[in-house]
Amino acid sequence: MANHKSAEKRARQTIVRTERNRFYRTRMKNLTKAVHAAVAAGDLEAAQNAFKAANKSLHSYVNKGFLKKNSAARKVSRLSKSVSTLSAAN
């Protein structure tokens, strides 16, 4: 357990940040799962809508400092590629 005032504050901050990061990490997984599920189902419109929501959220996470810019770009690129394969098939 923390013995100094600053260490106690750090412990409190860690708890808050862990909860916040868990929320964003879970949300990010759910957004990508929605895109992949729509692609697997072959539903182009749903895939495009899910991709649009995921793209917006991932880039907002960059602004919040949760994700690095290149990580978000990589994830968006991979999602875009999967959606474009579906649109090419139709």
PDB file of N, CA and C in Angstrom:
ATOM      1  N   MET A   1       0.841  -1.181   0.000  1.00  0.00           N
ATOM      2  CA  MET A   1       0.000   0.000   0.000  1.00  0.00           C
ATOM      3  C   MET A   1       0.884   1.240   0.000  1.00  0.00           C
ATOM      4  N   ALA A   2       0.371   2.305  -0.576  1.00  0.00           N
ATOM      5  CA  ALA A   2       1.126   3.545  -0.699  1.00  0.00           C
ATOM      6  C   ALA A   2       1.315   4.210   0.668  1.00  0.00           C
ATOM      7  N   ASN A   3       2.518   4.707   0.891  1.00  0.00           N
ATOM      8  CA  ASN A   3       2.829   5.351   2.161  1.00  0.00           C
ATOM      9  C   ASN A   3       2.895   6.867   2.060  1.00  0.00           C
ATOM     10  N   HIS A   4       3.120   7.396   0.877  1.00  0.00           N
ATOM     11  CA  HIS A   4       3.231   8.845   0.687  1.00  0.00           C
ATOM     12  C   HIS A   4       1.957   9.380   0.054  1.00  0.00           C
ATOM     13  N   LYS A   5       1.737  10.661   0.279  1.00  0.00           N
ATOM     14  CA  LYS A   5       0.544  11.297  -0.257  1.00  0.00           C
ATOM     15  C   LYS A   5       0.534  11.224  -1.783  1.00  0.00           C
ATOM     16  N   SER A   6       1.688  11.452  -2.395  1.00  0.00           N
ATOM     17  CA  SER A   6       1.774  11.420  -3.859  1.00  0.00           C
ATOM     18  C   SER A   6       1.549  10.002  -4.396  1.00  0.00           C
ATOM     19  N   ALA A   7       2.019   9.007  -3.663  1.00  0.00           N
ATOM     20  CA  ALA A   7       1.827   7.622  -4.086  1.00  0.00           C
ATOM     21  C   ALA A   7       0.358   7.212  -3.966  1.00  0.00           C
ATOM     22  N   GLU A   8      -0.334   7.735  -2.951  1.00  0.00           N
ATOM     23  CA  GLU A   8      -1.756   7.455  -2.805  1.00  0.00           C
ATOM     24  C   GLU A   8      -2.536   8.059  -3.961  1.00  0.00           C
ATOM     25  N   LYS A   9      -2.144   9.278  -4.353  1.00  0.00           N
ATOM     26  CA  LYS A   9      -2.804   9.931  -5.484  1.00  0.00           C
ATOM     27  C   LYS A   9      -2.563   9.146  -6.764  1.00  0.00           C
ATOM     28  N   ARG A  10      -1.341   8.698  -6.955  1.00  0.00           N
ATOM     29  CA  ARG A  10      -1.018   7.894  -8.139  1.00  0.00           C
ATOM     30  C   ARG A  10      -1.853   6.614  -8.178  1.00  0.00           C
ATOM     31  N   ALA A  11      -2.058   6.006  -7.042  1.00  0.00           N
ATOM     32  CA  ALA A  11      -2.865   4.787  -6.976  1.00  0.00           C
ATOM     33  C   ALA A  11      -4.309   5.083  -7.378  1.00  0.00           C
ATOM     34  N   ARG A  12      -4.841   6.214  -6.913  1.00  0.00           N
ATOM     35  CA  ARG A  12      -6.203   6.610  -7.293  1.00  0.00           C
ATOM     36  C   ARG A  12      -6.290   6.880  -8.789  1.00  0.00           C
ATOM     37  N   GLN A  13      -5.295   7.589  -9.311  1.00  0.00           N
ATOM     38  CA  GLN A  13      -5.293   7.911 -10.743  1.00  0.00           C
ATOM     39  C   GLN A  13      -5.211   6.654 -11.596  1.00  0.00           C
ATOM     40  N   THR A  14      -4.445   5.694 -11.152  1.00  0.00           N
ATOM     41  CA  THR A  14      -4.300   4.445 -11.897  1.00  0.00           C
ATOM     42  C   THR A  14      -5.624   3.716 -12.002  1.00  0.00           C
ATOM     43  N   ILE A  15      -6.398   3.712 -10.928  1.00  0.00           N
ATOM     44  CA  ILE A  15      -7.702   3.053 -10.940  1.00  0.00           C
ATOM     45  C   ILE A  15      -8.622   3.725 -11.957  1.00  0.00           C
ATOM     46  N   VAL A  16      -8.639   5.044 -11.942  1.00  0.00           N
ATOM     47  CA  VAL A  16      -9.507   5.788 -12.866  1.00  0.00           C
ATOM     48  C   VAL A  16      -9.074   5.538 -14.309  1.00  0.00           C
ATOM     49  N   ARG A  17      -7.787   5.614 -14.572  1.00  0.00           N
ATOM     50  CA  ARG A  17      -7.286   5.423 -15.937  1.00  0.00           C
ATOM     51  C   ARG A  17      -7.521   4.005 -16.432  1.00  0.00           C
ATOM     52  N   THR A  18      -7.378   3.034 -15.536  1.00  0.00           N
ATOM     53  CA  THR A  18      -7.605   1.643 -15.925  1.00  0.00           C
ATOM     54  C   THR A  18      -9.047   1.436 -16.356  1.00  0.00           C
ATOM     55  N   GLU A  19      -9.984   2.003 -15.609  1.00  0.00           N
ATOM     56  CA  GLU A  19     -11.397   1.890 -15.976  1.00  0.00           C
ATOM     57  C   GLU A  19     -11.678   2.568 -17.308  1.00  0.00           C
ATOM     58  N   ARG A  20     -11.116   3.748 -17.502  1.00  0.00           N
ATOM     59  CA  ARG A  20     -11.324   4.494 -18.746  1.00  0.00           C
ATOM     60  C   ARG A  20     -10.752   3.723 -19.926  1.00  0.00           C
ATOM     61  N   ASN A  21      -9.539   3.195 -19.765  1.00  0.00           N
ATOM     62  CA  ASN A  21      -8.908   2.440 -20.844  1.00  0.00           C
ATOM     63  C   ASN A  21      -9.675   1.164 -21.152  1.00  0.00           C
ATOM     64  N   ARG A  22     -10.199   0.517 -20.136  1.00  0.00           N
ATOM     65  CA  ARG A  22     -10.985  -0.699 -20.341  1.00  0.00           C
ATOM     66  C   ARG A  22     -12.231  -0.386 -21.165  1.00  0.00           C
ATOM     67  N   PHE A  23     -12.868   0.742 -20.862  1.00  0.00           N
ATOM     68  CA  PHE A  23     -14.048   1.158 -21.619  1.00  0.00           C
ATOM     69  C   PHE A  23     -13.713   1.351 -23.088  1.00  0.00           C
ATOM     70  N   TYR A  24     -12.653   2.112 -23.371  1.00  0.00           N
ATOM     71  CA  TYR A  24     -12.286   2.388 -24.757  1.00  0.00           C
ATOM     72  C   TYR A  24     -11.827   1.125 -25.482  1.00  0.00           C
ATOM     73  N   ARG A  25     -11.087   0.272 -24.800  1.00  0.00           N
ATOM     74  CA  ARG A  25     -10.591  -0.958 -25.422  1.00  0.00           C
ATOM     75  C   ARG A  25     -11.762  -1.872 -25.795  1.00  0.00           C
ATOM     76  N   THR A  26     -12.731  -1.992 -24.890  1.00  0.00           N
ATOM     77  CA  THR A  26     -13.907  -2.820 -25.152  1.00  0.00           C
ATOM     78  C   THR A  26     -14.731  -2.234 -26.287  1.00  0.00           C
ATOM     79  N   ARG A  27     -14.909  -0.932 -26.281  1.00  0.00           N
ATOM     80  CA  ARG A  27     -15.689  -0.265 -27.329  1.00  0.00           C
ATOM     81  C   ARG A  27     -15.020  -0.449 -28.686  1.00  0.00           C
ATOM     82  N   MET A  28     -13.701  -0.340 -28.702  1.00  0.00           N
ATOM     83  CA  MET A  28     -12.961  -0.506 -29.942  1.00  0.00           C
ATOM     84  C   MET A  28     -13.145  -1.928 -30.493  1.00  0.00           C
ATOM     85  N   LYS A  29     -13.077  -2.915 -29.617  1.00  0.00           N
ATOM     86  CA  LYS A  29     -13.278  -4.309 -30.039  1.00  0.00           C
ATOM     87  C   LYS A  29     -14.689  -4.507 -30.585  1.00  0.00           C
ATOM     88  N   ASN A  30     -15.689  -3.941 -29.918  1.00  0.00           N
ATOM     89  CA  ASN A  30     -17.071  -4.105 -30.355  1.00  0.00           C
ATOM     90  C   ASN A  30     -17.320  -3.438 -31.703  1.00  0.00           C
ATOM     91  N   LEU A  31     -16.696  -2.279 -31.926  1.00  0.00           N
ATOM     92  CA  LEU A  31     -16.857  -1.597 -33.205  1.00  0.00           C
ATOM     93  C   LEU A  31     -16.264  -2.410 -34.344  1.00  0.00           C
ATOM     94  N   THR A  32     -15.080  -2.979 -34.115  1.00  0.00           N
ATOM     95  CA  THR A  32     -14.455  -3.774 -35.165  1.00  0.00           C
ATOM     96  C   THR A  32     -15.218  -5.082 -35.380  1.00  0.00           C
ATOM     97  N   LYS A  33     -15.736  -5.661 -34.308  1.00  0.00           N
ATOM     98  CA  LYS A  33     -16.529  -6.883 -34.445  1.00  0.00           C
ATOM     99  C   LYS A  33     -17.781  -6.633 -35.273  1.00  0.00           C
ATOM    100  N   ALA A  34     -18.394  -5.466 -35.099  1.00  0.00           N
ATOM    101  CA  ALA A  34     -19.603  -5.137 -35.853  1.00  0.00           C
ATOM    102  C   ALA A  34     -19.301  -5.067 -37.347  1.00  0.00           C
ATOM    103  N   VAL A  35     -18.164  -4.486 -37.699  1.00  0.00           N
ATOM    104  CA  VAL A  35     -17.777  -4.405 -39.114  1.00  0.00           C
ATOM    105  C   VAL A  35     -17.529  -5.805 -39.657  1.00  0.00           C
ATOM    106  N   HIS A  36     -16.764  -6.604 -38.933  1.00  0.00           N
ATOM    107  CA  HIS A  36     -16.446  -7.954 -39.395  1.00  0.00           C
ATOM    108  C   HIS A  36     -17.704  -8.822 -39.506  1.00  0.00           C
ATOM    109  N   ALA A  37     -18.630  -8.654 -38.575  1.00  0.00           N
ATOM    110  CA  ALA A  37     -19.869  -9.440 -38.614  1.00  0.00           C
ATOM    111  C   ALA A  37     -20.709  -9.066 -39.829  1.00  0.00           C
ATOM    112  N   ALA A  38     -20.772  -7.769 -40.137  1.00  0.00           N
ATOM    113  CA  ALA A  38     -21.545  -7.321 -41.301  1.00  0.00           C
ATOM    114  C   ALA A  38     -20.908  -7.815 -42.595  1.00  0.00           C
ATOM    115  N   VAL A  39     -19.583  -7.813 -42.639  1.00  0.00           N
ATOM    116  CA  VAL A  39     -18.882  -8.307 -43.821  1.00  0.00           C
ATOM    117  C   VAL A  39     -19.118  -9.810 -43.972  1.00  0.00           C
ATOM    118  N   ALA A  40     -19.050 -10.529 -42.869  1.00  0.00           N
ATOM    119  CA  ALA A  40     -19.259 -11.974 -42.914  1.00  0.00           C
ATOM    120  C   ALA A  40     -20.692 -12.312 -43.350  1.00  0.00           C
ATOM    121  N   ALA A  41     -21.641 -11.467 -42.958  1.00  0.00           N
ATOM    122  CA  ALA A  41     -23.028 -11.690 -43.346  1.00  0.00           C
ATOM    123  C   ALA A  41     -23.285 -11.283 -44.786  1.00  0.00           C
ATOM    124  N   GLY A  42     -22.367 -10.526 -45.364  1.00  0.00           N
ATOM    125  CA  GLY A  42     -22.525 -10.089 -46.748  1.00  0.00           C
ATOM    126  C   GLY A  42     -23.420  -8.874 -46.900  1.00  0.00           C
ATOM    127  N   ASP A  43     -23.675  -8.165 -45.824  1.00  0.00           N
ATOM    128  CA  ASP A  43     -24.542  -6.983 -45.835  1.00  0.00           C
ATOM    129  C   ASP A  43     -23.694  -5.732 -46.062  1.00  0.00           C
ATOM    130  N   LEU A  44     -23.691  -5.246 -47.284  1.00  0.00           N
ATOM    131  CA  LEU A  44     -22.839  -4.115 -47.655  1.00  0.00           C
ATOM    132  C   LEU A  44     -23.226  -2.836 -46.915  1.00  0.00           C
ATOM    133  N   GLU A  45     -24.517  -2.550 -46.858  1.00  0.00           N
ATOM    134  CA  GLU A  45     -24.965  -1.302 -46.224  1.00  0.00           C
ATOM    135  C   GLU A  45     -24.634  -1.287 -44.730  1.00  0.00           C
ATOM    136  N   ALA A  46     -24.875  -2.393 -44.055  1.00  0.00           N
ATOM    137  CA  ALA A  46     -24.563  -2.480 -42.628  1.00  0.00           C
ATOM    138  C   ALA A  46     -23.059  -2.389 -42.400  1.00  0.00           C
ATOM    139  N   ALA A  47     -22.290  -3.006 -43.290  1.00  0.00           N
ATOM    140  CA  ALA A  47     -20.836  -2.956 -43.166  1.00  0.00           C
ATOM    141  C   ALA A  47     -20.327  -1.525 -43.333  1.00  0.00           C
ATOM    142  N   GLN A  48     -20.891  -0.817 -44.290  1.00  0.00           N
ATOM    143  CA  GLN A  48     -20.466   0.572 -44.510  1.00  0.00           C
ATOM    144  C   GLN A  48     -20.844   1.459 -43.331  1.00  0.00           C
ATOM    145  N   ASN A  49     -22.026   1.253 -42.786  1.00  0.00           N
ATOM    146  CA  ASN A  49     -22.446   2.046 -41.619  1.00  0.00           C
ATOM    147  C   ASN A  49     -21.581   1.740 -40.399  1.00  0.00           C
ATOM    148  N   ALA A  50     -21.296   0.462 -40.189  1.00  0.00           N
ATOM    149  CA  ALA A  50     -20.456   0.071 -39.057  1.00  0.00           C
ATOM    150  C   ALA A  50     -19.034   0.603 -39.243  1.00  0.00           C
ATOM    151  N   PHE A  51     -18.544   0.571 -40.474  1.00  0.00           N
ATOM    152  CA  PHE A  51     -17.202   1.093 -40.752  1.00  0.00           C
ATOM    153  C   PHE A  51     -17.143   2.588 -40.495  1.00  0.00           C
ATOM    154  N   LYS A  52     -18.184   3.280 -40.896  1.00  0.00           N
ATOM    155  CA  LYS A  52     -18.230   4.739 -40.694  1.00  0.00           C
ATOM    156  C   LYS A  52     -18.157   5.079 -39.201  1.00  0.00           C
ATOM    157  N   ALA A  53     -18.912   4.336 -38.390  1.00  0.00           N
ATOM    158  CA  ALA A  53     -18.908   4.563 -36.939  1.00  0.00           C
ATOM    159  C   ALA A  53     -17.550   4.207 -36.341  1.00  0.00           C
ATOM    160  N   ALA A  54     -16.963   3.110 -36.802  1.00  0.00           N
ATOM    161  CA  ALA A  54     -15.664   2.686 -36.280  1.00  0.00           C
ATOM    162  C   ALA A  54     -14.581   3.688 -36.651  1.00  0.00           C
ATOM    163  N   ASN A  55     -14.611   4.166 -37.874  1.00  0.00           N
ATOM    164  CA  ASN A  55     -13.623   5.130 -38.350  1.00  0.00           C
ATOM    165  C   ASN A  55     -13.663   6.402 -37.503  1.00  0.00           C
ATOM    166  N   LYS A  56     -14.868   6.906 -37.281  1.00  0.00           N
ATOM    167  CA  LYS A  56     -15.034   8.124 -36.489  1.00  0.00           C
ATOM    168  C   LYS A  56     -14.535   7.931 -35.057  1.00  0.00           C
ATOM    169  N   SER A  57     -14.896   6.814 -34.454  1.00  0.00           N
ATOM    170  CA  SER A  57     -14.509   6.560 -33.067  1.00  0.00           C
ATOM    171  C   SER A  57     -13.004   6.363 -32.928  1.00  0.00           C
ATOM    172  N   LEU A  58     -12.409   5.597 -33.833  1.00  0.00           N
ATOM    173  CA  LEU A  58     -10.969   5.345 -33.749  1.00  0.00           C
ATOM    174  C   LEU A  58     -10.173   6.640 -33.874  1.00  0.00           C
ATOM    175  N   HIS A  59     -10.596   7.521 -34.768  1.00  0.00           N
ATOM    176  CA  HIS A  59      -9.877   8.781 -34.906  1.00  0.00           C
ATOM    177  C   HIS A  59     -10.113   9.703 -33.715  1.00  0.00           C
ATOM    178  N   SER A  60     -11.276   9.587 -33.085  1.00  0.00           N
ATOM    179  CA  SER A  60     -11.491  10.397 -31.884  1.00  0.00           C
ATOM    180  C   SER A  60     -10.644   9.877 -30.730  1.00  0.00           C
ATOM    181  N   TYR A  61     -10.360   8.566 -30.709  1.00  0.00           N
ATOM    182  CA  TYR A  61      -9.503   8.004 -29.668  1.00  0.00           C
ATOM    183  C   TYR A  61      -8.068   8.501 -29.818  1.00  0.00           C
ATOM    184  N   VAL A  62      -7.667   8.826 -31.034  1.00  0.00           N
ATOM    185  CA  VAL A  62      -6.343   9.423 -31.248  1.00  0.00           C
ATOM    186  C   VAL A  62      -6.301  10.790 -30.581  1.00  0.00           C
ATOM    187  N   ASN A  63      -7.369  11.565 -30.772  1.00  0.00           N
ATOM    188  CA  ASN A  63      -7.421  12.905 -30.173  1.00  0.00           C
ATOM    189  C   ASN A  63      -7.442  12.849 -28.653  1.00  0.00           C
ATOM    190  N   LYS A  64      -8.044  11.801 -28.107  1.00  0.00           N
ATOM    191  CA  LYS A  64      -8.100  11.652 -26.653  1.00  0.00           C
ATOM    192  C   LYS A  64      -6.791  11.129 -26.077  1.00  0.00           C
ATOM    193  N   GLY A  65      -5.925  10.603 -26.953  1.00  0.00           N
ATOM    194  CA  GLY A  65      -4.649  10.085 -26.497  1.00  0.00           C
ATOM    195  C   GLY A  65      -4.697   8.622 -26.132  1.00  0.00           C
ATOM    196  N   PHE A  66      -5.789   7.962 -26.448  1.00  0.00           N
ATOM    197  CA  PHE A  66      -5.896   6.540 -26.129  1.00  0.00           C
ATOM    198  C   PHE A  66      -5.138   5.686 -27.139  1.00  0.00           C
ATOM    199  N   LEU A  67      -5.208   6.073 -28.399  1.00  0.00           N
ATOM    200  CA  LEU A  67      -4.524   5.341 -29.471  1.00  0.00           C
ATOM    201  C   LEU A  67      -3.491   6.243 -30.122  1.00  0.00           C
ATOM    202  N   LYS A  68      -2.445   5.632 -30.643  1.00  0.00           N
ATOM    203  CA  LYS A  68      -1.490   6.396 -31.448  1.00  0.00           C
ATOM    204  C   LYS A  68      -2.042   6.513 -32.860  1.00  0.00           C
ATOM    205  N   LYS A  69      -1.589   7.541 -33.553  1.00  0.00           N
ATOM    206  CA  LYS A  69      -2.113   7.848 -34.874  1.00  0.00           C
ATOM    207  C   LYS A  69      -1.943   6.687 -35.851  1.00  0.00           C
ATOM    208  N   ASN A  70      -0.775   6.083 -35.865  1.00  0.00           N
ATOM    209  CA  ASN A  70      -0.522   5.000 -36.807  1.00  0.00           C
ATOM    210  C   ASN A  70      -1.308   3.739 -36.463  1.00  0.00           C
ATOM    211  N   SER A  71      -1.550   3.512 -35.186  1.00  0.00           N
ATOM    212  CA  SER A  71      -2.355   2.358 -34.781  1.00  0.00           C
ATOM    213  C   SER A  71      -3.782   2.507 -35.294  1.00  0.00           C
ATOM    214  N   ALA A  72      -4.338   3.694 -35.144  1.00  0.00           N
ATOM    215  CA  ALA A  72      -5.694   3.941 -35.630  1.00  0.00           C
ATOM    216  C   ALA A  72      -5.732   3.826 -37.152  1.00  0.00           C
ATOM    217  N   ALA A  73      -4.722   4.363 -37.819  1.00  0.00           N
ATOM    218  CA  ALA A  73      -4.680   4.304 -39.277  1.00  0.00           C
ATOM    219  C   ALA A  73      -4.600   2.854 -39.748  1.00  0.00           C
ATOM    220  N   ARG A  74      -3.818   2.045 -39.061  1.00  0.00           N
ATOM    221  CA  ARG A  74      -3.684   0.634 -39.430  1.00  0.00           C
ATOM    222  C   ARG A  74      -5.008  -0.100 -39.260  1.00  0.00           C
ATOM    223  N   LYS A  75      -5.682   0.147 -38.134  1.00  0.00           N
ATOM    224  CA  LYS A  75      -6.957  -0.525 -37.883  1.00  0.00           C
ATOM    225  C   LYS A  75      -8.015  -0.095 -38.897  1.00  0.00           C
ATOM    226  N   VAL A  76      -8.076   1.198 -39.184  1.00  0.00           N
ATOM    227  CA  VAL A  76      -9.047   1.715 -40.150  1.00  0.00           C
ATOM    228  C   VAL A  76      -8.750   1.161 -41.536  1.00  0.00           C
ATOM    229  N   SER A  77      -7.479   1.075 -41.884  1.00  0.00           N
ATOM    230  CA  SER A  77      -7.097   0.547 -43.192  1.00  0.00           C
ATOM    231  C   SER A  77      -7.536  -0.897 -43.350  1.00  0.00           C
ATOM    232  N   ARG A  78      -7.335  -1.697 -42.336  1.00  0.00           N
ATOM    233  CA  ARG A  78      -7.726  -3.109 -42.401  1.00  0.00           C
ATOM    234  C   ARG A  78      -9.244  -3.264 -42.483  1.00  0.00           C
ATOM    235  N   LEU A  79      -9.963  -2.433 -41.720  1.00  0.00           N
ATOM    236  CA  LEU A  79     -11.424  -2.485 -41.789  1.00  0.00           C
ATOM    237  C   LEU A  79     -11.911  -2.048 -43.168  1.00  0.00           C
ATOM    238  N   SER A  80     -11.303  -1.003 -43.693  1.00  0.00           N
ATOM    239  CA  SER A  80     -11.668  -0.498 -45.016  1.00  0.00           C
ATOM    240  C   SER A  80     -11.436  -1.547 -46.088  1.00  0.00           C
ATOM    241  N   LYS A  81     -10.335  -2.247 -45.965  1.00  0.00           N
ATOM    242  CA  LYS A  81     -10.005  -3.295 -46.933  1.00  0.00           C
ATOM    243  C   LYS A  81     -11.048  -4.402 -46.911  1.00  0.00           C
ATOM    244  N   SER A  82     -11.487  -4.799 -45.729  1.00  0.00           N
ATOM    245  CA  SER A  82     -12.489  -5.866 -45.636  1.00  0.00           C
ATOM    246  C   SER A  82     -13.832  -5.408 -46.196  1.00  0.00           C
ATOM    247  N   VAL A  83     -14.197  -4.139 -45.964  1.00  0.00           N
ATOM    248  CA  VAL A  83     -15.464  -3.621 -46.500  1.00  0.00           C
ATOM    249  C   VAL A  83     -15.386  -3.489 -48.015  1.00  0.00           C
ATOM    250  N   SER A  84     -14.207  -3.085 -48.516  1.00  0.00           N
ATOM    251  CA  SER A  84     -14.073  -2.904 -49.976  1.00  0.00           C
ATOM    252  C   SER A  84     -14.114  -4.234 -50.715  1.00  0.00           C
ATOM    253  N   THR A  85     -13.648  -5.313 -50.081  1.00  0.00           N
ATOM    254  CA  THR A  85     -13.754  -6.624 -50.725  1.00  0.00           C
ATOM    255  C   THR A  85     -15.213  -7.029 -50.866  1.00  0.00           C
ATOM    256  N   LEU A  86     -16.022  -6.630 -49.910  1.00  0.00           N
ATOM    257  CA  LEU A  86     -17.458  -6.929 -49.979  1.00  0.00           C
ATOM    258  C   LEU A  86     -18.113  -6.111 -51.083  1.00  0.00           C
ATOM    259  N   SER A  87     -17.734  -4.831 -51.203  1.00  0.00           N
ATOM    260  CA  SER A  87     -18.339  -3.993 -52.236  1.00  0.00           C
ATOM    261  C   SER A  87     -17.875  -4.404 -53.628  1.00  0.00           C
ATOM    262  N   ALA A  88     -16.654  -4.935 -53.737  1.00  0.00           N
ATOM    263  CA  ALA A  88     -16.163  -5.405 -55.025  1.00  0.00           C
ATOM    264  C   ALA A  88     -16.906  -6.667 -55.455  1.00  0.00           C
ATOM    265  N   ALA A  89     -17.309  -7.471 -54.484  1.00  0.00           N
ATOM    266  CA  ALA A  89     -18.028  -8.704 -54.794  1.00  0.00           C
ATOM    267  C   ALA A  89     -19.435  -8.426 -55.283  1.00  0.00           C
ATOM    268  N   ASN A  90     -20.016  -7.312 -54.804  1.00  0.00           N
ATOM    269  CA  ASN A  90     -21.387  -6.970 -55.221  1.00  0.00           C
ATOM    270  C   ASN A  90     -21.303  -6.181 -56.464  1.00  0.00           C
TER     271      ASN A  90
END
